[in-house]
Amino acid sequence: MDSSLHERPSVATPPPLIAHLGGFWRNRRAEARILLGMCAAFVLIFFLPVGQPRFENAVLEGLRLTQWYAREHVILCLLPAFVIAGAMAVYISQGAVMKHLGPASPKPVAFGVASVAGTLLAVCSCTVLPLFGGIYKRGAGLGAAIAFLYSGPAINVMAIVVTAKVLGAELGIARAVGAIVFALVIGTIMHLLYRREEAARAAKGTRGFADEDDGRPLGDVVALFGLMIGILVFANWASAESPLWMAIHAWKWPITAVLGGLLGALLVRRWQWSARPLLIIGALVAASAALRPQWPELAMVIGIGGLMLQASRENTAGQEWVGQSWDFTKQIMPLLLGGVLMAGILLGRPGHEGLVPSEWVAWAVGDNSFGSTLLASVLGAFMYFSTLTEVPIVEGLLGAGMGKGPALAILLAGPALSLPNMLVIRTVLGTRKTLVYCSLVVAMATLSGYLYGQLM
């Protein structure tokens, strides 16, 4: 029998010359992209309008906004958020997340839990990002994670109250209703658009993690996160004209200190951490607060740095906590600072101008037309608002002639989105999902603001 009949047919290979040319052109395309990038950077630098007052002022505004953000938000807001997000990735049972927030969990339960959890946080569009990344990485469904992402900065009880007091009860109620509806509707739409992908993710999560449980009592986990979130909220408690909020603001640091002490006691009593190092950390924090009360950031750095150092020395879970927190920091921090810089260059700080003149904004959104409302939504989506700063900004724009419809659009889109926020969300969800989410927020803010403007 001819043995050639049993030989496996050989796979055709391209001639050496064609293979060489293919590799050559692939390399040429890669090199061409690098060359184009270098040329674009050179042209940008070559034609920078250095010497033009508006450009130089815009650059300074970007640097000032970035400096303000670094001083006011990175240490007191983001560092605790990174620590909490890292703890979520380690100490929250993935089976519990899949059960209550996972892709296969009942949607009323998942969206309700996500919205309520977000409502309890008085955070801005950037501070919520590590927490969002933590629950999504841990297995939360896309719809529930998106509901949490929007509700954190948007359905803020303190912001709703201040809006009603400063801008009027009608606008405050409209913002509250709109934000709650937004969280549920946008989460539902995202779930429906990507339901097949979420179903596959749910199946994978169920196979891999449904029975995961580290044996830690639920009460200990709830207490741990409750105390850490309490520290985050009270350390960033903003002042307002309401007597209740001002009373809490006056006691924010003593309350934060008590919560920090309770956190240390919990780690010693229920998590079996060593007491002596935590006592030393607490003494250093107290000494810093007593000697430099005008620098609460120093006490926060000492507390968080000491906590992470001790966690890395306690056990494997503590080391993983530190590693997860560092991963979130590396992923999010550069994008946030770069995004804040660009937002400052384009739009300036609140009350100051960037490249875009403020009179253009007031002229463009001075009525309740659909175009004005859409523009207000887009501008609000790209601007950065820290917690409660959107209220005086909108108050000033209303005084300059802005319509109430565009004002509501900014209140609904602005706190939940910003340029740095979009850049970070893209690293978690990808470009397509990020574009869909941002488009939904802008579209719903535009529609709600337009209808409100016509009614009012």
Protein backbone atom coordinates (compact mmCIF):
# COMPACT_ATOMS: atom_id res chain seq x y z
CA MET A 1 0.00 0.00 0.00
CA ASP A 2 1.28 3.41 -0.87
CA SER A 3 2.25 5.09 2.39
CA SER A 4 1.68 8.48 0.85
CA LEU A 5 -2.07 7.88 1.09
CA HIS A 6 -1.80 7.98 4.89
CA GLU A 7 0.36 11.06 5.10
CA ARG A 8 -1.30 14.17 6.56
CA PRO A 9 -1.61 16.85 3.90
CA SER A 10 0.88 19.59 4.49
CA VAL A 11 -0.35 23.08 5.32
CA ALA A 12 0.45 25.50 2.59
CA THR A 13 3.00 28.06 3.65
CA PRO A 14 3.56 31.33 1.86
CA PRO A 15 6.75 31.71 -0.10
CA PRO A 16 9.59 33.29 1.90
CA LEU A 17 9.44 36.50 -0.13
CA ILE A 18 5.70 37.02 0.58
CA ALA A 19 6.15 36.23 4.28
CA HIS A 20 9.02 38.70 4.45
CA LEU A 21 6.96 41.39 2.74
CA GLY A 22 4.02 40.75 5.10
CA GLY A 23 6.22 41.18 8.15
CA PHE A 24 7.82 44.23 6.57
CA TRP A 25 4.45 45.94 6.01
CA ARG A 26 3.24 45.05 9.52
CA ASN A 27 6.35 46.62 10.95
CA ARG A 28 5.96 49.59 8.64
CA ARG A 29 2.39 50.18 9.85
CA ALA A 30 3.47 50.04 13.48
CA GLU A 31 6.34 52.40 12.81
CA ALA A 32 4.02 54.67 10.80
CA ARG A 33 1.65 54.97 13.79
CA ILE A 34 4.56 55.95 16.02
CA LEU A 35 5.74 58.48 13.45
CA LEU A 36 2.26 59.97 13.12
CA GLY A 37 1.95 60.25 16.87
CA MET A 38 5.31 62.01 17.11
CA CYS A 39 4.37 64.36 14.28
CA ALA A 40 1.03 65.19 15.89
CA ALA A 41 2.74 65.95 19.20
CA PHE A 42 5.33 68.11 17.45
CA VAL A 43 2.70 70.08 15.52
CA LEU A 44 0.69 70.60 18.71
CA ILE A 45 3.72 71.91 20.58
CA PHE A 46 4.89 73.98 17.60
CA PHE A 47 1.59 75.83 17.27
CA LEU A 48 0.80 76.26 20.97
CA PRO A 49 -0.52 79.83 21.38
CA VAL A 50 2.05 80.67 24.04
CA GLY A 51 1.84 84.35 24.85
CA GLN A 52 -1.91 84.52 24.32
CA PRO A 53 -3.50 85.60 27.62
CA ARG A 54 -6.49 83.27 27.34
CA PHE A 55 -4.34 80.22 26.64
CA GLU A 56 -1.88 80.95 29.40
CA ASN A 57 -4.72 81.65 31.83
CA ALA A 58 -6.39 78.36 30.81
CA VAL A 59 -3.17 76.43 31.52
CA LEU A 60 -2.91 78.10 34.90
CA GLU A 61 -6.55 77.32 35.60
CA GLY A 62 -5.92 73.68 34.77
CA LEU A 63 -2.93 73.58 37.13
CA ARG A 64 -4.85 75.41 39.86
CA LEU A 65 -7.80 73.03 39.58
CA THR A 66 -5.48 70.02 39.68
CA GLN A 67 -3.68 71.42 42.73
CA TRP A 68 -7.00 72.12 44.45
CA TYR A 69 -8.20 68.62 43.64
CA ALA A 70 -4.98 67.09 44.99
CA ARG A 71 -5.22 69.08 48.21
CA GLU A 72 -8.93 68.74 48.84
CA HIS A 73 -9.88 65.33 47.46
CA VAL A 74 -7.00 62.92 46.92
CA ILE A 75 -6.03 62.38 50.55
CA LEU A 76 -9.42 62.72 52.27
CA CYS A 77 -11.58 61.21 49.49
CA LEU A 78 -9.64 58.94 47.19
CA LEU A 79 -7.20 57.28 49.58
CA PRO A 80 -9.99 56.00 51.88
CA ALA A 81 -11.96 54.96 48.78
CA PHE A 82 -8.98 52.97 47.47
CA VAL A 83 -8.63 51.23 50.83
CA ILE A 84 -12.35 50.39 50.92
CA ALA A 85 -12.27 49.12 47.33
CA GLY A 86 -9.29 46.91 48.10
CA ALA A 87 -11.09 45.50 51.14
CA MET A 88 -14.15 44.79 48.99
CA ALA A 89 -12.03 42.69 46.65
CA VAL A 90 -10.72 40.62 49.56
CA TYR A 91 -13.20 40.47 52.42
CA ILE A 92 -16.60 40.51 50.71
CA SER A 93 -17.66 37.02 49.73
CA GLN A 94 -17.99 36.78 45.99
CA GLY A 95 -20.86 34.38 46.48
CA ALA A 96 -22.75 37.05 48.44
CA VAL A 97 -22.11 39.62 45.71
CA MET A 98 -23.32 37.21 43.04
CA LYS A 99 -26.39 36.44 45.13
CA HIS A 100 -27.49 40.05 45.75
CA LEU A 101 -25.87 42.05 42.93
CA GLY A 102 -24.80 39.46 40.38
CA PRO A 103 -26.01 39.21 36.77
CA ALA A 104 -28.41 36.38 37.67
CA SER A 105 -29.83 37.95 40.84
CA PRO A 106 -33.41 39.33 40.84
CA LYS A 107 -33.23 42.76 39.26
CA PRO A 108 -35.46 44.57 41.80
CA VAL A 109 -33.22 43.30 44.60
CA ALA A 110 -29.96 44.03 42.76
CA PHE A 111 -30.90 47.52 41.62
CA GLY A 112 -32.52 48.36 44.95
CA VAL A 113 -29.45 47.31 46.95
CA ALA A 114 -27.11 49.14 44.54
CA SER A 115 -29.16 52.35 44.61
CA VAL A 116 -29.50 52.37 48.39
CA ALA A 117 -25.79 51.64 48.83
CA GLY A 118 -24.91 54.50 46.51
CA THR A 119 -27.35 56.86 48.20
CA LEU A 120 -25.58 56.48 51.53
CA LEU A 121 -22.32 57.84 50.07
CA ALA A 122 -21.83 61.61 49.88
CA VAL A 123 -19.11 61.30 47.24
CA CYS A 124 -18.23 62.94 43.93
CA SER A 125 -18.04 61.34 40.49
CA CYS A 126 -14.38 60.42 41.03
CA THR A 127 -14.48 59.11 44.60
CA VAL A 128 -17.19 56.61 43.68
CA LEU A 129 -14.98 55.01 41.00
CA PRO A 130 -12.82 52.76 43.22
CA LEU A 131 -15.95 51.52 44.99
CA PHE A 132 -17.67 50.87 41.64
CA GLY A 133 -14.61 49.01 40.37
CA GLY A 134 -14.52 46.97 43.56
CA ILE A 135 -18.08 45.65 43.40
CA TYR A 136 -17.94 45.09 39.63
CA LYS A 137 -14.66 43.21 39.87
CA ARG A 138 -16.13 41.15 42.69
CA GLY A 139 -18.97 39.95 40.44
CA ALA A 140 -21.76 42.54 40.55
CA GLY A 141 -23.98 42.59 37.47
CA LEU A 142 -23.49 45.39 34.97
CA GLY A 143 -26.92 46.92 35.60
CA ALA A 144 -26.54 46.92 39.38
CA ALA A 145 -22.97 48.26 39.17
CA ILE A 146 -24.12 51.07 36.87
CA ALA A 147 -27.00 51.91 39.23
CA PHE A 148 -24.47 52.17 42.06
CA LEU A 149 -22.09 54.22 39.90
CA TYR A 150 -24.78 56.79 39.11
CA SER A 151 -26.53 56.85 42.48
CA GLY A 152 -23.34 57.43 44.52
CA PRO A 153 -22.74 61.05 43.45
CA ALA A 154 -26.23 61.83 42.09
CA ILE A 155 -28.70 60.59 44.74
CA ASN A 156 -26.87 62.32 47.57
CA VAL A 157 -29.27 63.21 50.38
CA MET A 158 -27.16 66.18 51.44
CA ALA A 159 -26.94 67.50 47.86
CA ILE A 160 -30.69 67.14 47.36
CA VAL A 161 -31.42 69.09 50.55
CA VAL A 162 -28.96 71.86 49.68
CA THR A 163 -30.36 72.08 46.14
CA ALA A 164 -33.89 72.52 47.46
CA LYS A 165 -32.78 75.15 49.97
CA VAL A 166 -30.59 77.21 47.61
CA LEU A 167 -32.27 76.74 44.23
CA GLY A 168 -35.84 76.18 45.36
CA ALA A 169 -37.97 73.25 46.43
CA GLU A 170 -39.25 72.56 42.91
CA LEU A 171 -35.75 72.13 41.47
CA GLY A 172 -34.68 70.08 44.49
CA ILE A 173 -37.63 67.70 44.14
CA ALA A 174 -37.09 67.43 40.39
CA ARG A 175 -33.45 66.55 40.96
CA ALA A 176 -34.29 63.91 43.58
CA VAL A 177 -36.96 62.23 41.46
CA GLY A 178 -34.89 62.43 38.29
CA ALA A 179 -31.78 60.98 39.92
CA ILE A 180 -33.63 58.03 41.45
CA VAL A 181 -35.38 57.24 38.16
CA PHE A 182 -32.08 57.64 36.27
CA ALA A 183 -30.27 55.09 38.41
CA LEU A 184 -32.96 52.47 37.85
CA VAL A 185 -33.62 53.19 34.16
CA ILE A 186 -29.99 53.47 33.08
CA GLY A 187 -29.07 50.33 35.03
CA THR A 188 -31.97 48.46 33.39
CA ILE A 189 -31.07 49.63 29.89
CA MET A 190 -27.41 48.64 30.33
CA HIS A 191 -28.50 45.23 31.58
CA LEU A 192 -30.82 44.69 28.61
CA LEU A 193 -28.26 45.85 26.05
CA TYR A 194 -25.61 43.46 27.34
CA ARG A 195 -27.81 40.70 28.73
CA ARG A 196 -26.13 37.92 26.71
CA GLU A 197 -22.69 38.97 27.85
CA GLU A 198 -23.98 39.26 31.39
CA ALA A 199 -25.57 35.81 31.21
CA ALA A 200 -22.21 34.30 30.23
CA ARG A 201 -20.53 36.22 33.02
CA ALA A 202 -23.15 35.02 35.48
CA ALA A 203 -22.60 31.38 34.47
CA LYS A 204 -18.86 31.76 34.86
CA GLY A 205 -19.25 33.47 38.22
CA THR A 206 -21.66 30.81 39.46
CA ARG A 207 -19.26 28.01 38.53
CA GLY A 208 -16.29 29.72 40.07
CA PHE A 209 -17.46 31.54 43.15
CA ALA A 210 -20.98 30.68 44.24
CA ASP A 211 -19.77 28.67 47.22
CA GLU A 212 -16.89 30.93 48.15
CA ASP A 213 -16.92 31.77 51.85
CA ASP A 214 -13.97 32.61 54.08
CA GLY A 215 -15.91 31.80 57.26
CA ARG A 216 -15.94 35.42 58.46
CA PRO A 217 -19.17 36.31 60.33
CA LEU A 218 -21.41 38.67 58.40
CA GLY A 219 -21.59 41.06 61.34
CA ASP A 220 -17.81 41.52 61.34
CA VAL A 221 -17.76 42.29 57.62
CA VAL A 222 -20.68 44.74 57.90
CA ALA A 223 -19.02 46.48 60.86
CA LEU A 224 -15.68 46.74 59.03
CA PHE A 225 -17.16 48.38 55.95
CA GLY A 226 -19.64 50.45 57.94
CA LEU A 227 -16.83 52.03 59.95
CA MET A 228 -14.61 52.64 56.93
CA ILE A 229 -17.45 54.19 54.92
CA GLY A 230 -18.36 56.29 57.97
CA ILE A 231 -14.79 57.63 58.08
CA LEU A 232 -14.97 58.45 54.36
CA VAL A 233 -18.33 60.23 54.66
CA PHE A 234 -17.65 62.29 57.80
CA ALA A 235 -14.09 63.24 56.83
CA ASN A 236 -15.57 64.82 53.70
CA TRP A 237 -18.74 66.28 55.24
CA ALA A 238 -19.32 69.56 53.44
CA SER A 239 -20.70 72.71 55.05
CA ALA A 240 -24.17 73.95 54.16
CA GLU A 241 -26.64 76.52 55.38
CA SER A 242 -28.85 73.92 57.04
CA PRO A 243 -28.44 74.02 60.87
CA LEU A 244 -28.36 70.22 61.05
CA TRP A 245 -25.65 69.87 58.43
CA MET A 246 -23.62 72.66 60.04
CA ALA A 247 -23.90 71.01 63.44
CA ILE A 248 -22.58 67.76 62.01
CA HIS A 249 -19.88 69.69 60.12
CA ALA A 250 -18.70 71.25 63.37
CA TRP A 251 -18.21 67.78 64.88
CA LYS A 252 -16.96 66.01 61.75
CA TRP A 253 -13.40 65.45 62.98
CA PRO A 254 -14.31 64.19 66.47
CA ILE A 255 -16.81 61.81 64.85
CA THR A 256 -14.16 60.67 62.35
CA ALA A 257 -11.69 60.09 65.20
CA VAL A 258 -14.21 58.01 67.14
CA LEU A 259 -14.94 55.90 64.06
CA GLY A 260 -11.21 55.38 63.54
CA GLY A 261 -10.83 54.21 67.13
CA LEU A 262 -13.75 51.82 66.75
CA LEU A 263 -12.20 50.47 63.54
CA GLY A 264 -8.96 49.70 65.38
CA ALA A 265 -10.86 48.03 68.23
CA LEU A 266 -12.83 45.92 65.75
CA LEU A 267 -9.67 44.75 63.99
CA VAL A 268 -8.16 43.72 67.33
CA ARG A 269 -11.20 42.08 68.92
CA ARG A 270 -12.89 40.42 65.95
CA TRP A 271 -10.17 40.17 63.29
CA GLN A 272 -7.37 39.16 65.70
CA TRP A 273 -4.96 41.91 64.65
CA SER A 274 -2.07 42.86 66.93
CA ALA A 275 -3.11 45.61 69.33
CA ARG A 276 0.23 47.30 69.95
CA PRO A 277 0.93 48.51 66.38
CA LEU A 278 -2.63 49.87 66.07
CA LEU A 279 -2.26 51.73 69.36
CA ILE A 280 0.95 53.31 68.09
CA ILE A 281 -0.79 54.33 64.84
CA GLY A 282 -3.68 55.80 66.81
CA ALA A 283 -1.28 57.75 69.04
CA LEU A 284 0.53 59.16 65.98
CA VAL A 285 -2.77 60.19 64.38
CA ALA A 286 -3.91 61.87 67.61
CA ALA A 287 -0.57 63.67 67.97
CA SER A 288 -0.76 64.92 64.40
CA ALA A 289 -4.32 66.17 64.89
CA ALA A 290 -3.35 67.95 68.10
CA LEU A 291 -0.14 69.54 66.80
CA ARG A 292 -1.38 70.38 63.29
CA PRO A 293 -5.19 70.65 63.46
CA GLN A 294 -5.14 72.75 60.29
CA TRP A 295 -3.70 69.77 58.39
CA PRO A 296 -6.22 66.94 58.76
CA GLU A 297 -4.73 65.42 55.60
CA LEU A 298 -1.55 64.60 57.55
CA ALA A 299 -3.51 62.64 60.14
CA MET A 300 -5.35 60.80 57.36
CA VAL A 301 -2.09 59.86 55.62
CA ILE A 302 -0.61 58.56 58.87
CA GLY A 303 -3.75 56.56 59.63
CA ILE A 304 -4.11 55.00 56.18
CA GLY A 305 -0.37 54.41 55.78
CA GLY A 306 -0.17 52.75 59.17
CA LEU A 307 -3.26 50.65 58.52
CA MET A 308 -1.90 49.37 55.21
CA LEU A 309 1.54 48.70 56.70
CA GLN A 310 0.04 46.69 59.52
CA ALA A 311 -2.30 44.84 57.15
CA SER A 312 0.70 43.71 55.10
CA ARG A 313 2.25 42.23 58.26
CA GLU A 314 -0.81 40.50 59.69
CA ASN A 315 -1.70 37.69 57.29
CA THR A 316 -2.13 36.71 53.66
CA ALA A 317 -5.55 38.38 53.42
CA GLY A 318 -4.06 41.62 54.72
CA GLN A 319 -1.29 41.48 52.13
CA GLU A 320 -3.89 40.93 49.42
CA TRP A 321 -5.86 43.90 50.78
CA VAL A 322 -2.80 46.10 50.33
CA GLY A 323 -2.17 44.70 46.85
CA GLN A 324 -5.73 45.25 45.67
CA SER A 325 -5.78 48.81 47.02
CA TRP A 326 -2.51 49.54 45.23
CA ASP A 327 -3.87 48.11 41.98
CA PHE A 328 -6.87 50.45 42.14
CA THR A 329 -4.58 53.38 42.90
CA LYS A 330 -2.31 52.67 39.92
CA GLN A 331 -5.26 52.25 37.59
CA ILE A 332 -7.30 55.27 38.62
CA MET A 333 -5.06 58.00 40.01
CA PRO A 334 -3.12 59.01 36.85
CA LEU A 335 -6.28 59.16 34.76
CA LEU A 336 -8.09 61.24 37.35
CA LEU A 337 -5.34 63.82 37.68
CA GLY A 338 -4.90 64.03 33.90
CA GLY A 339 -8.65 64.38 33.40
CA VAL A 340 -8.95 67.10 36.04
CA LEU A 341 -6.10 69.01 34.38
CA MET A 342 -7.82 68.87 30.98
CA ALA A 343 -11.19 69.85 32.46
CA GLY A 344 -9.56 72.85 34.13
CA ILE A 345 -7.86 73.94 30.92
CA LEU A 346 -11.09 73.74 28.94
CA LEU A 347 -13.64 75.06 31.43
CA GLY A 348 -11.62 76.50 34.31
CA ARG A 349 -12.41 76.35 38.00
CA PRO A 350 -15.84 77.27 39.37
CA GLY A 351 -16.12 81.02 38.95
CA HIS A 352 -13.12 81.22 36.61
CA GLU A 353 -12.66 80.80 32.89
CA GLY A 354 -10.68 78.32 30.83
CA LEU A 355 -10.41 78.16 27.06
CA VAL A 356 -14.21 78.26 26.75
CA PRO A 357 -15.50 81.73 27.75
CA SER A 358 -18.20 81.64 30.41
CA GLU A 359 -20.34 84.14 28.48
CA TRP A 360 -20.52 81.61 25.65
CA VAL A 361 -21.98 79.12 28.09
CA ALA A 362 -24.50 81.60 29.50
CA TRP A 363 -25.48 82.70 25.99
CA ALA A 364 -25.85 79.12 24.74
CA VAL A 365 -28.01 77.87 27.64
CA GLY A 366 -30.02 81.00 28.32
CA ASP A 367 -33.41 79.51 27.46
CA ASN A 368 -35.32 76.26 27.88
CA SER A 369 -34.98 75.07 24.29
CA PHE A 370 -33.93 71.53 23.47
CA GLY A 371 -30.59 72.72 22.07
CA SER A 372 -29.75 74.69 25.21
CA THR A 373 -30.67 71.76 27.42
CA LEU A 374 -28.59 69.34 25.36
CA LEU A 375 -25.59 71.65 25.49
CA ALA A 376 -25.99 72.03 29.25
CA SER A 377 -26.05 68.24 29.63
CA VAL A 378 -22.89 67.81 27.55
CA LEU A 379 -21.02 70.58 29.35
CA GLY A 380 -22.13 69.24 32.72
CA ALA A 381 -20.99 65.75 31.75
CA PHE A 382 -17.46 66.95 31.00
CA MET A 383 -17.06 69.40 33.90
CA TYR A 384 -15.79 68.22 37.26
CA PHE A 385 -17.98 68.97 40.29
CA SER A 386 -16.88 68.06 43.79
CA THR A 387 -19.65 67.27 46.26
CA LEU A 388 -22.14 70.16 46.53
CA THR A 389 -20.14 72.56 44.32
CA GLU A 390 -22.65 72.10 41.52
CA VAL A 391 -25.25 74.00 43.55
CA PRO A 392 -23.47 77.40 43.74
CA ILE A 393 -22.30 76.99 40.12
CA VAL A 394 -25.86 76.46 38.89
CA GLU A 395 -27.03 79.30 41.14
CA GLY A 396 -24.57 81.62 39.43
CA LEU A 397 -25.60 80.43 35.97
CA LEU A 398 -29.27 80.95 36.82
CA GLY A 399 -28.41 84.46 37.92
CA ALA A 400 -26.68 84.99 34.57
CA GLY A 401 -29.82 84.00 32.68
CA MET A 402 -29.70 80.21 32.38
CA GLY A 403 -33.08 78.52 31.95
CA LYS A 404 -34.39 76.14 34.58
CA GLY A 405 -34.44 73.24 32.12
CA PRO A 406 -30.68 73.43 31.39
CA ALA A 407 -30.07 73.95 35.12
CA LEU A 408 -31.79 70.64 35.94
CA ALA A 409 -29.86 68.95 33.13
CA ILE A 410 -26.56 70.05 34.68
CA LEU A 411 -27.69 68.88 38.13
CA LEU A 412 -28.55 65.44 36.73
CA ALA A 413 -25.55 64.93 34.43
CA GLY A 414 -22.82 66.96 36.13
CA PRO A 415 -22.32 65.24 39.51
CA ALA A 416 -22.48 61.73 37.99
CA LEU A 417 -20.06 62.33 35.09
CA SER A 418 -16.85 64.20 34.43
CA LEU A 419 -13.96 63.90 32.01
CA PRO A 420 -11.70 62.10 34.53
CA ASN A 421 -14.64 59.92 35.54
CA MET A 422 -15.15 58.82 31.91
CA LEU A 423 -11.47 57.98 31.45
CA VAL A 424 -11.49 55.67 34.47
CA ILE A 425 -14.82 54.01 33.64
CA ARG A 426 -13.35 53.09 30.25
CA THR A 427 -10.59 51.08 31.93
CA VAL A 428 -13.22 49.08 33.85
CA LEU A 429 -15.99 48.62 31.27
CA GLY A 430 -14.25 49.23 27.95
CA THR A 431 -14.84 51.93 25.37
CA ARG A 432 -18.20 50.75 24.02
CA LYS A 433 -19.97 50.33 27.37
CA THR A 434 -18.55 53.63 28.60
CA LEU A 435 -19.86 55.48 25.54
CA VAL A 436 -23.28 53.87 25.97
CA TYR A 437 -23.44 54.77 29.67
CA CYS A 438 -22.34 58.38 29.15
CA SER A 439 -24.74 58.77 26.21
CA LEU A 440 -27.62 57.46 28.31
CA VAL A 441 -26.86 59.91 31.12
CA VAL A 442 -26.65 62.86 28.70
CA ALA A 443 -29.79 61.78 26.80
CA MET A 444 -31.91 61.32 29.93
CA ALA A 445 -30.63 64.54 31.49
CA THR A 446 -31.50 66.38 28.29
CA LEU A 447 -34.97 64.88 28.07
CA SER A 448 -35.74 65.49 31.75
CA GLY A 449 -34.40 69.04 31.67
CA TYR A 450 -36.32 69.87 28.50
CA LEU A 451 -39.62 68.54 29.86
CA TYR A 452 -39.06 70.34 33.16
CA GLY A 453 -38.24 73.58 31.36
CA GLN A 454 -41.39 73.38 29.28
CA LEU A 455 -43.56 72.65 32.32
CA MET A 456 -42.01 75.44 34.37
